[in-house]
Amino acid sequence: PGDLSNHHKIEEFSTEMAQVAHSAYRV
């Protein structure tokens, strides 16, 4: 669960990457 490579839909993948971006920005 949570593996980004599980997402076929680009919109879903991009939504998950938005969370990655916010976390990277924070640290």
PDB file of all heavy atoms in Angstrom:
ATOM      1  N   PRO A   1       0.830  -1.197   0.000  1.00  0.00           N
ATOM      2  CA  PRO A   1       0.000   0.000   0.000  1.00  0.00           C
ATOM      3  C   PRO A   1       0.876   1.264   0.000  1.00  0.00           C
ATOM      4  O   PRO A   1       1.857   1.350   0.729  1.00  0.00           O
ATOM      5  CB  PRO A   1      -0.797  -0.110   1.302  1.00  0.00           C
ATOM      6  CG  PRO A   1      -0.793  -1.569   1.626  1.00  0.00           C
ATOM      7  CD  PRO A   1       0.537  -2.081   1.140  1.00  0.00           C
ATOM      8  N   GLY A   2       0.505   2.232  -0.820  1.00  0.00           N
ATOM      9  CA  GLY A   2       1.259   3.472  -0.877  1.00  0.00           C
ATOM     10  C   GLY A   2       2.358   3.501  -1.916  1.00  0.00           C
ATOM     11  O   GLY A   2       2.939   4.559  -2.170  1.00  0.00           O
ATOM     12  N   ASP A   3       2.651   2.344  -2.530  1.00  0.00           N
ATOM     13  CA  ASP A   3       3.666   2.298  -3.577  1.00  0.00           C
ATOM     14  C   ASP A   3       3.182   3.128  -4.764  1.00  0.00           C
ATOM     15  O   ASP A   3       2.130   2.845  -5.352  1.00  0.00           O
ATOM     16  CB  ASP A   3       3.900   0.845  -4.000  1.00  0.00           C
ATOM     17  CG  ASP A   3       5.019   0.688  -5.017  1.00  0.00           C
ATOM     18  OD1 ASP A   3       5.444   1.694  -5.608  1.00  0.00           O
ATOM     19  OD2 ASP A   3       5.467  -0.461  -5.219  1.00  0.00           O
ATOM     20  N   LEU A   4       3.941   4.151  -5.134  1.00  0.00           N
ATOM     21  CA  LEU A   4       3.540   5.050  -6.211  1.00  0.00           C
ATOM     22  C   LEU A   4       3.446   4.343  -7.560  1.00  0.00           C
ATOM     23  O   LEU A   4       2.724   4.799  -8.449  1.00  0.00           O
ATOM     24  CB  LEU A   4       4.517   6.222  -6.319  1.00  0.00           C
ATOM     25  CG  LEU A   4       4.525   7.202  -5.136  1.00  0.00           C
ATOM     26  CD1 LEU A   4       5.598   8.260  -5.344  1.00  0.00           C
ATOM     27  CD2 LEU A   4       3.167   7.867  -4.971  1.00  0.00           C
ATOM     28  N   SER A   5       4.168   3.235  -7.723  1.00  0.00           N
ATOM     29  CA  SER A   5       4.134   2.523  -9.002  1.00  0.00           C
ATOM     30  C   SER A   5       2.855   1.703  -9.170  1.00  0.00           C
ATOM     31  O   SER A   5       2.677   1.027 -10.188  1.00  0.00           O
ATOM     32  CB  SER A   5       5.362   1.620  -9.144  1.00  0.00           C
ATOM     33  OG  SER A   5       5.302   0.524  -8.250  1.00  0.00           O
ATOM     34  N   ASN A   6       1.952   1.767  -8.186  1.00  0.00           N
ATOM     35  CA  ASN A   6       0.677   1.069  -8.298  1.00  0.00           C
ATOM     36  C   ASN A   6      -0.353   1.878  -9.093  1.00  0.00           C
ATOM     37  O   ASN A   6      -1.422   1.364  -9.420  1.00  0.00           O
ATOM     38  CB  ASN A   6       0.082   0.787  -6.911  1.00  0.00           C
ATOM     39  CG  ASN A   6       0.909  -0.210  -6.123  1.00  0.00           C
ATOM     40  OD1 ASN A   6       1.667  -0.991  -6.698  1.00  0.00           O
ATOM     41  ND2 ASN A   6       0.779  -0.195  -4.803  1.00  0.00           N
ATOM     42  N   HIS A   7      -0.041   3.149  -9.393  1.00  0.00           N
ATOM     43  CA  HIS A   7      -1.030   4.029 -10.013  1.00  0.00           C
ATOM     44  C   HIS A   7      -0.893   4.054 -11.534  1.00  0.00           C
ATOM     45  O   HIS A   7       0.114   4.524 -12.067  1.00  0.00           O
ATOM     46  CB  HIS A   7      -0.887   5.455  -9.458  1.00  0.00           C
ATOM     47  CG  HIS A   7      -1.214   5.563  -7.998  1.00  0.00           C
ATOM     48  ND1 HIS A   7      -2.505   5.553  -7.518  1.00  0.00           N
ATOM     49  CD2 HIS A   7      -0.415   5.669  -6.908  1.00  0.00           C
ATOM     50  CE1 HIS A   7      -2.495   5.644  -6.196  1.00  0.00           C
ATOM     51  NE2 HIS A   7      -1.234   5.719  -5.803  1.00  0.00           N
ATOM     52  N   HIS A   8      -1.934   3.591 -12.209  1.00  0.00           N
ATOM     53  CA  HIS A   8      -1.955   3.648 -13.675  1.00  0.00           C
ATOM     54  C   HIS A   8      -2.428   5.015 -14.167  1.00  0.00           C
ATOM     55  O   HIS A   8      -1.907   5.541 -15.149  1.00  0.00           O
ATOM     56  CB  HIS A   8      -2.867   2.558 -14.219  1.00  0.00           C
ATOM     57  CG  HIS A   8      -2.975   2.565 -15.718  1.00  0.00           C
ATOM     58  ND1 HIS A   8      -1.937   2.155 -16.543  1.00  0.00           N
ATOM     59  CD2 HIS A   8      -3.991   2.958 -16.544  1.00  0.00           C
ATOM     60  CE1 HIS A   8      -2.308   2.287 -17.802  1.00  0.00           C
ATOM     61  NE2 HIS A   8      -3.534   2.768 -17.841  1.00  0.00           N
ATOM     62  N   LYS A   9      -3.380   5.598 -13.469  1.00  0.00           N
ATOM     63  CA  LYS A   9      -3.921   6.890 -13.871  1.00  0.00           C
ATOM     64  C   LYS A   9      -2.942   8.001 -13.504  1.00  0.00           C
ATOM     65  O   LYS A   9      -2.518   8.112 -12.348  1.00  0.00           O
ATOM     66  CB  LYS A   9      -5.278   7.134 -13.214  1.00  0.00           C
ATOM     67  CG  LYS A   9      -6.366   6.163 -13.684  1.00  0.00           C
ATOM     68  CD  LYS A   9      -7.695   6.473 -13.032  1.00  0.00           C
ATOM     69  CE  LYS A   9      -8.785   5.530 -13.543  1.00  0.00           C
ATOM     70  NZ  LYS A   9     -10.094   5.810 -12.900  1.00  0.00           N
ATOM     71  N   ILE A  10      -2.594   8.816 -14.484  1.00  0.00           N
ATOM     72  CA  ILE A  10      -1.607   9.872 -14.278  1.00  0.00           C
ATOM     73  C   ILE A  10      -2.101  10.892 -13.249  1.00  0.00           C
ATOM     74  O   ILE A  10      -1.318  11.410 -12.455  1.00  0.00           O
ATOM     75  CB  ILE A  10      -1.269  10.572 -15.611  1.00  0.00           C
ATOM     76  CG1 ILE A  10      -0.794   9.548 -16.646  1.00  0.00           C
ATOM     77  CG2 ILE A  10      -0.210  11.646 -15.400  1.00  0.00           C
ATOM     78  CD1 ILE A  10       0.377   8.708 -16.218  1.00  0.00           C
ATOM     79  N   GLU A  11      -3.387  11.159 -13.244  1.00  0.00           N
ATOM     80  CA  GLU A  11      -3.939  12.119 -12.285  1.00  0.00           C
ATOM     81  C   GLU A  11      -3.749  11.632 -10.854  1.00  0.00           C
ATOM     82  O   GLU A  11      -3.374  12.403  -9.963  1.00  0.00           O
ATOM     83  CB  GLU A  11      -5.422  12.358 -12.566  1.00  0.00           C
ATOM     84  CG  GLU A  11      -6.051  13.403 -11.655  1.00  0.00           C
ATOM     85  CD  GLU A  11      -7.513  13.667 -11.981  1.00  0.00           C
ATOM     86  OE1 GLU A  11      -8.007  13.152 -13.017  1.00  0.00           O
ATOM     87  OE2 GLU A  11      -8.161  14.388 -11.199  1.00  0.00           O
ATOM     88  N   GLU A  12      -3.988  10.343 -10.623  1.00  0.00           N
ATOM     89  CA  GLU A  12      -3.802   9.785  -9.278  1.00  0.00           C
ATOM     90  C   GLU A  12      -2.331   9.825  -8.886  1.00  0.00           C
ATOM     91  O   GLU A  12      -1.990  10.186  -7.747  1.00  0.00           O
ATOM     92  CB  GLU A  12      -4.324   8.348  -9.229  1.00  0.00           C
ATOM     93  CG  GLU A  12      -5.824   8.221  -9.364  1.00  0.00           C
ATOM     94  CD  GLU A  12      -6.277   6.772  -9.346  1.00  0.00           C
ATOM     95  OE1 GLU A  12      -5.395   5.872  -9.282  1.00  0.00           O
ATOM     96  OE2 GLU A  12      -7.496   6.531  -9.403  1.00  0.00           O
ATOM     97  N   PHE A  13      -1.459   9.435  -9.805  1.00  0.00           N
ATOM     98  CA  PHE A  13      -0.023   9.473  -9.540  1.00  0.00           C
ATOM     99  C   PHE A  13       0.431  10.897  -9.214  1.00  0.00           C
ATOM    100  O   PHE A  13       1.185  11.119  -8.261  1.00  0.00           O
ATOM    101  CB  PHE A  13       0.739   8.942 -10.753  1.00  0.00           C
ATOM    102  CG  PHE A  13       2.235   9.098 -10.660  1.00  0.00           C
ATOM    103  CD1 PHE A  13       2.990   8.228  -9.891  1.00  0.00           C
ATOM    104  CD2 PHE A  13       2.873  10.118 -11.343  1.00  0.00           C
ATOM    105  CE1 PHE A  13       4.371   8.372  -9.796  1.00  0.00           C
ATOM    106  CE2 PHE A  13       4.248  10.276 -11.261  1.00  0.00           C
ATOM    107  CZ  PHE A  13       4.999   9.405 -10.488  1.00  0.00           C
ATOM    108  N   SER A  14      -0.055  11.872  -9.964  1.00  0.00           N
ATOM    109  CA  SER A  14       0.337  13.262  -9.761  1.00  0.00           C
ATOM    110  C   SER A  14      -0.140  13.785  -8.413  1.00  0.00           C
ATOM    111  O   SER A  14       0.558  14.569  -7.753  1.00  0.00           O
ATOM    112  CB  SER A  14      -0.219  14.135 -10.892  1.00  0.00           C
ATOM    113  OG  SER A  14       0.264  13.695 -12.145  1.00  0.00           O
ATOM    114  N   THR A  15      -1.323  13.355  -7.988  1.00  0.00           N
ATOM    115  CA  THR A  15      -1.829  13.752  -6.669  1.00  0.00           C
ATOM    116  C   THR A  15      -0.924  13.242  -5.559  1.00  0.00           C
ATOM    117  O   THR A  15      -0.630  13.948  -4.585  1.00  0.00           O
ATOM    118  CB  THR A  15      -3.260  13.226  -6.469  1.00  0.00           C
ATOM    119  OG1 THR A  15      -4.119  13.788  -7.475  1.00  0.00           O
ATOM    120  CG2 THR A  15      -3.797  13.590  -5.098  1.00  0.00           C
ATOM    121  N   GLU A  16      -0.448  11.993  -5.702  1.00  0.00           N
ATOM    122  CA  GLU A  16       0.479  11.437  -4.716  1.00  0.00           C
ATOM    123  C   GLU A  16       1.811  12.194  -4.739  1.00  0.00           C
ATOM    124  O   GLU A  16       2.419  12.457  -3.704  1.00  0.00           O
ATOM    125  CB  GLU A  16       0.709   9.949  -4.988  1.00  0.00           C
ATOM    126  CG  GLU A  16      -0.534   9.084  -4.901  1.00  0.00           C
ATOM    127  CD  GLU A  16      -1.152   9.094  -3.517  1.00  0.00           C
ATOM    128  OE1 GLU A  16      -0.407   9.007  -2.525  1.00  0.00           O
ATOM    129  OE2 GLU A  16      -2.388   9.208  -3.427  1.00  0.00           O
ATOM    130  N   MET A  17       2.279  12.542  -5.935  1.00  0.00           N
ATOM    131  CA  MET A  17       3.534  13.286  -6.054  1.00  0.00           C
ATOM    132  C   MET A  17       3.423  14.678  -5.453  1.00  0.00           C
ATOM    133  O   MET A  17       4.425  15.255  -5.010  1.00  0.00           O
ATOM    134  CB  MET A  17       3.953  13.371  -7.521  1.00  0.00           C
ATOM    135  CG  MET A  17       4.543  12.085  -8.083  1.00  0.00           C
ATOM    136  SD  MET A  17       6.017  11.499  -7.177  1.00  0.00           S
ATOM    137  CE  MET A  17       7.148  12.872  -7.425  1.00  0.00           C
ATOM    138  N   ALA A  18       2.215  15.245  -5.421  1.00  0.00           N
ATOM    139  CA  ALA A  18       2.030  16.538  -4.763  1.00  0.00           C
ATOM    140  C   ALA A  18       2.361  16.431  -3.278  1.00  0.00           C
ATOM    141  O   ALA A  18       2.988  17.331  -2.691  1.00  0.00           O
ATOM    142  CB  ALA A  18       0.593  17.020  -4.954  1.00  0.00           C
ATOM    143  N   GLN A  19       1.976  15.315  -2.653  1.00  0.00           N
ATOM    144  CA  GLN A  19       2.315  15.098  -1.242  1.00  0.00           C
ATOM    145  C   GLN A  19       3.818  14.934  -1.067  1.00  0.00           C
ATOM    146  O   GLN A  19       4.398  15.430  -0.089  1.00  0.00           O
ATOM    147  CB  GLN A  19       1.583  13.872  -0.715  1.00  0.00           C
ATOM    148  CG  GLN A  19       0.070  13.991  -0.711  1.00  0.00           C
ATOM    149  CD  GLN A  19      -0.588  12.764  -0.115  1.00  0.00           C
ATOM    150  OE1 GLN A  19      -0.226  12.292   0.967  1.00  0.00           O
ATOM    151  NE2 GLN A  19      -1.565  12.214  -0.821  1.00  0.00           N
ATOM    152  N   VAL A  20       4.457  14.228  -2.005  1.00  0.00           N
ATOM    153  CA  VAL A  20       5.913  14.071  -1.972  1.00  0.00           C
ATOM    154  C   VAL A  20       6.586  15.442  -2.042  1.00  0.00           C
ATOM    155  O   VAL A  20       7.538  15.732  -1.304  1.00  0.00           O
ATOM    156  CB  VAL A  20       6.387  13.181  -3.131  1.00  0.00           C
ATOM    157  CG1 VAL A  20       7.916  13.132  -3.188  1.00  0.00           C
ATOM    158  CG2 VAL A  20       5.833  11.767  -2.984  1.00  0.00           C
ATOM    159  N   ALA A  21       6.087  16.300  -2.929  1.00  0.00           N
ATOM    160  CA  ALA A  21       6.665  17.635  -3.103  1.00  0.00           C
ATOM    161  C   ALA A  21       6.554  18.458  -1.821  1.00  0.00           C
ATOM    162  O   ALA A  21       7.515  19.132  -1.414  1.00  0.00           O
ATOM    163  CB  ALA A  21       5.967  18.352  -4.258  1.00  0.00           C
ATOM    164  N   HIS A  22       5.400  18.416  -1.177  1.00  0.00           N
ATOM    165  CA  HIS A  22       5.216  19.178   0.060  1.00  0.00           C
ATOM    166  C   HIS A  22       6.139  18.668   1.170  1.00  0.00           C
ATOM    167  O   HIS A  22       6.683  19.461   1.949  1.00  0.00           O
ATOM    168  CB  HIS A  22       3.751  19.113   0.503  1.00  0.00           C
ATOM    169  CG  HIS A  22       2.851  20.039  -0.258  1.00  0.00           C
ATOM    170  ND1 HIS A  22       2.794  21.393  -0.008  1.00  0.00           N
ATOM    171  CD2 HIS A  22       1.985  19.805  -1.282  1.00  0.00           C
ATOM    172  CE1 HIS A  22       1.923  21.969  -0.827  1.00  0.00           C
ATOM    173  NE2 HIS A  22       1.429  21.033  -1.612  1.00  0.00           N
ATOM    174  N   SER A  23       6.328  17.356   1.245  1.00  0.00           N
ATOM    175  CA  SER A  23       7.218  16.791   2.256  1.00  0.00           C
ATOM    176  C   SER A  23       8.667  17.195   2.000  1.00  0.00           C
ATOM    177  O   SER A  23       9.401  17.543   2.925  1.00  0.00           O
ATOM    178  CB  SER A  23       7.094  15.266   2.274  1.00  0.00           C
ATOM    179  OG  SER A  23       5.840  14.871   2.767  1.00  0.00           O
ATOM    180  N   ALA A  24       9.077  17.150   0.742  1.00  0.00           N
ATOM    181  CA  ALA A  24      10.436  17.556   0.392  1.00  0.00           C
ATOM    182  C   ALA A  24      10.655  19.019   0.714  1.00  0.00           C
ATOM    183  O   ALA A  24      11.725  19.411   1.218  1.00  0.00           O
ATOM    184  CB  ALA A  24      10.692  17.290  -1.092  1.00  0.00           C
ATOM    185  N   TYR A  25       9.665  19.836   0.440  1.00  0.00           N
ATOM    186  CA  TYR A  25       9.763  21.270   0.726  1.00  0.00           C
ATOM    187  C   TYR A  25       9.911  21.499   2.235  1.00  0.00           C
ATOM    188  O   TYR A  25      10.697  22.342   2.676  1.00  0.00           O
ATOM    189  CB  TYR A  25       8.524  21.984   0.213  1.00  0.00           C
ATOM    190  CG  TYR A  25       8.618  23.491   0.226  1.00  0.00           C
ATOM    191  CD1 TYR A  25       9.119  24.190  -0.869  1.00  0.00           C
ATOM    192  CD2 TYR A  25       8.202  24.226   1.336  1.00  0.00           C
ATOM    193  CE1 TYR A  25       9.206  25.566  -0.858  1.00  0.00           C
ATOM    194  CE2 TYR A  25       8.290  25.604   1.360  1.00  0.00           C
ATOM    195  CZ  TYR A  25       8.794  26.276   0.252  1.00  0.00           C
ATOM    196  OH  TYR A  25       8.890  27.641   0.277  1.00  0.00           O
ATOM    197  N   ARG A  26       9.168  20.730   3.013  1.00  0.00           N
ATOM    198  CA  ARG A  26       9.209  20.892   4.471  1.00  0.00           C
ATOM    199  C   ARG A  26      10.590  20.621   5.050  1.00  0.00           C
ATOM    200  O   ARG A  26      11.090  21.387   5.875  1.00  0.00           O
ATOM    201  CB  ARG A  26       8.182  19.952   5.126  1.00  0.00           C
ATOM    202  CG  ARG A  26       8.223  19.980   6.657  1.00  0.00           C
ATOM    203  CD  ARG A  26       7.257  18.983   7.266  1.00  0.00           C
ATOM    204  NE  ARG A  26       7.628  17.592   7.039  1.00  0.00           N
ATOM    205  CZ  ARG A  26       8.552  16.942   7.749  1.00  0.00           C
ATOM    206  NH1 ARG A  26       9.247  17.557   8.702  1.00  0.00           N
ATOM    207  NH2 ARG A  26       8.817  15.670   7.486  1.00  0.00           N
ATOM    208  N   VAL A  27      11.234  19.547   4.604  1.00  0.00           N
ATOM    209  CA  VAL A  27      12.492  19.140   5.234  1.00  0.00           C
ATOM    210  C   VAL A  27      13.711  19.868   4.674  1.00  0.00           C
ATOM    211  O   VAL A  27      14.780  19.875   5.286  1.00  0.00           O
ATOM    212  CB  VAL A  27      12.704  17.616   5.115  1.00  0.00           C
ATOM    213  CG1 VAL A  27      11.533  16.866   5.743  1.00  0.00           C
ATOM    214  CG2 VAL A  27      12.909  17.190   3.666  1.00  0.00           C
TER     215      VAL A  27
END
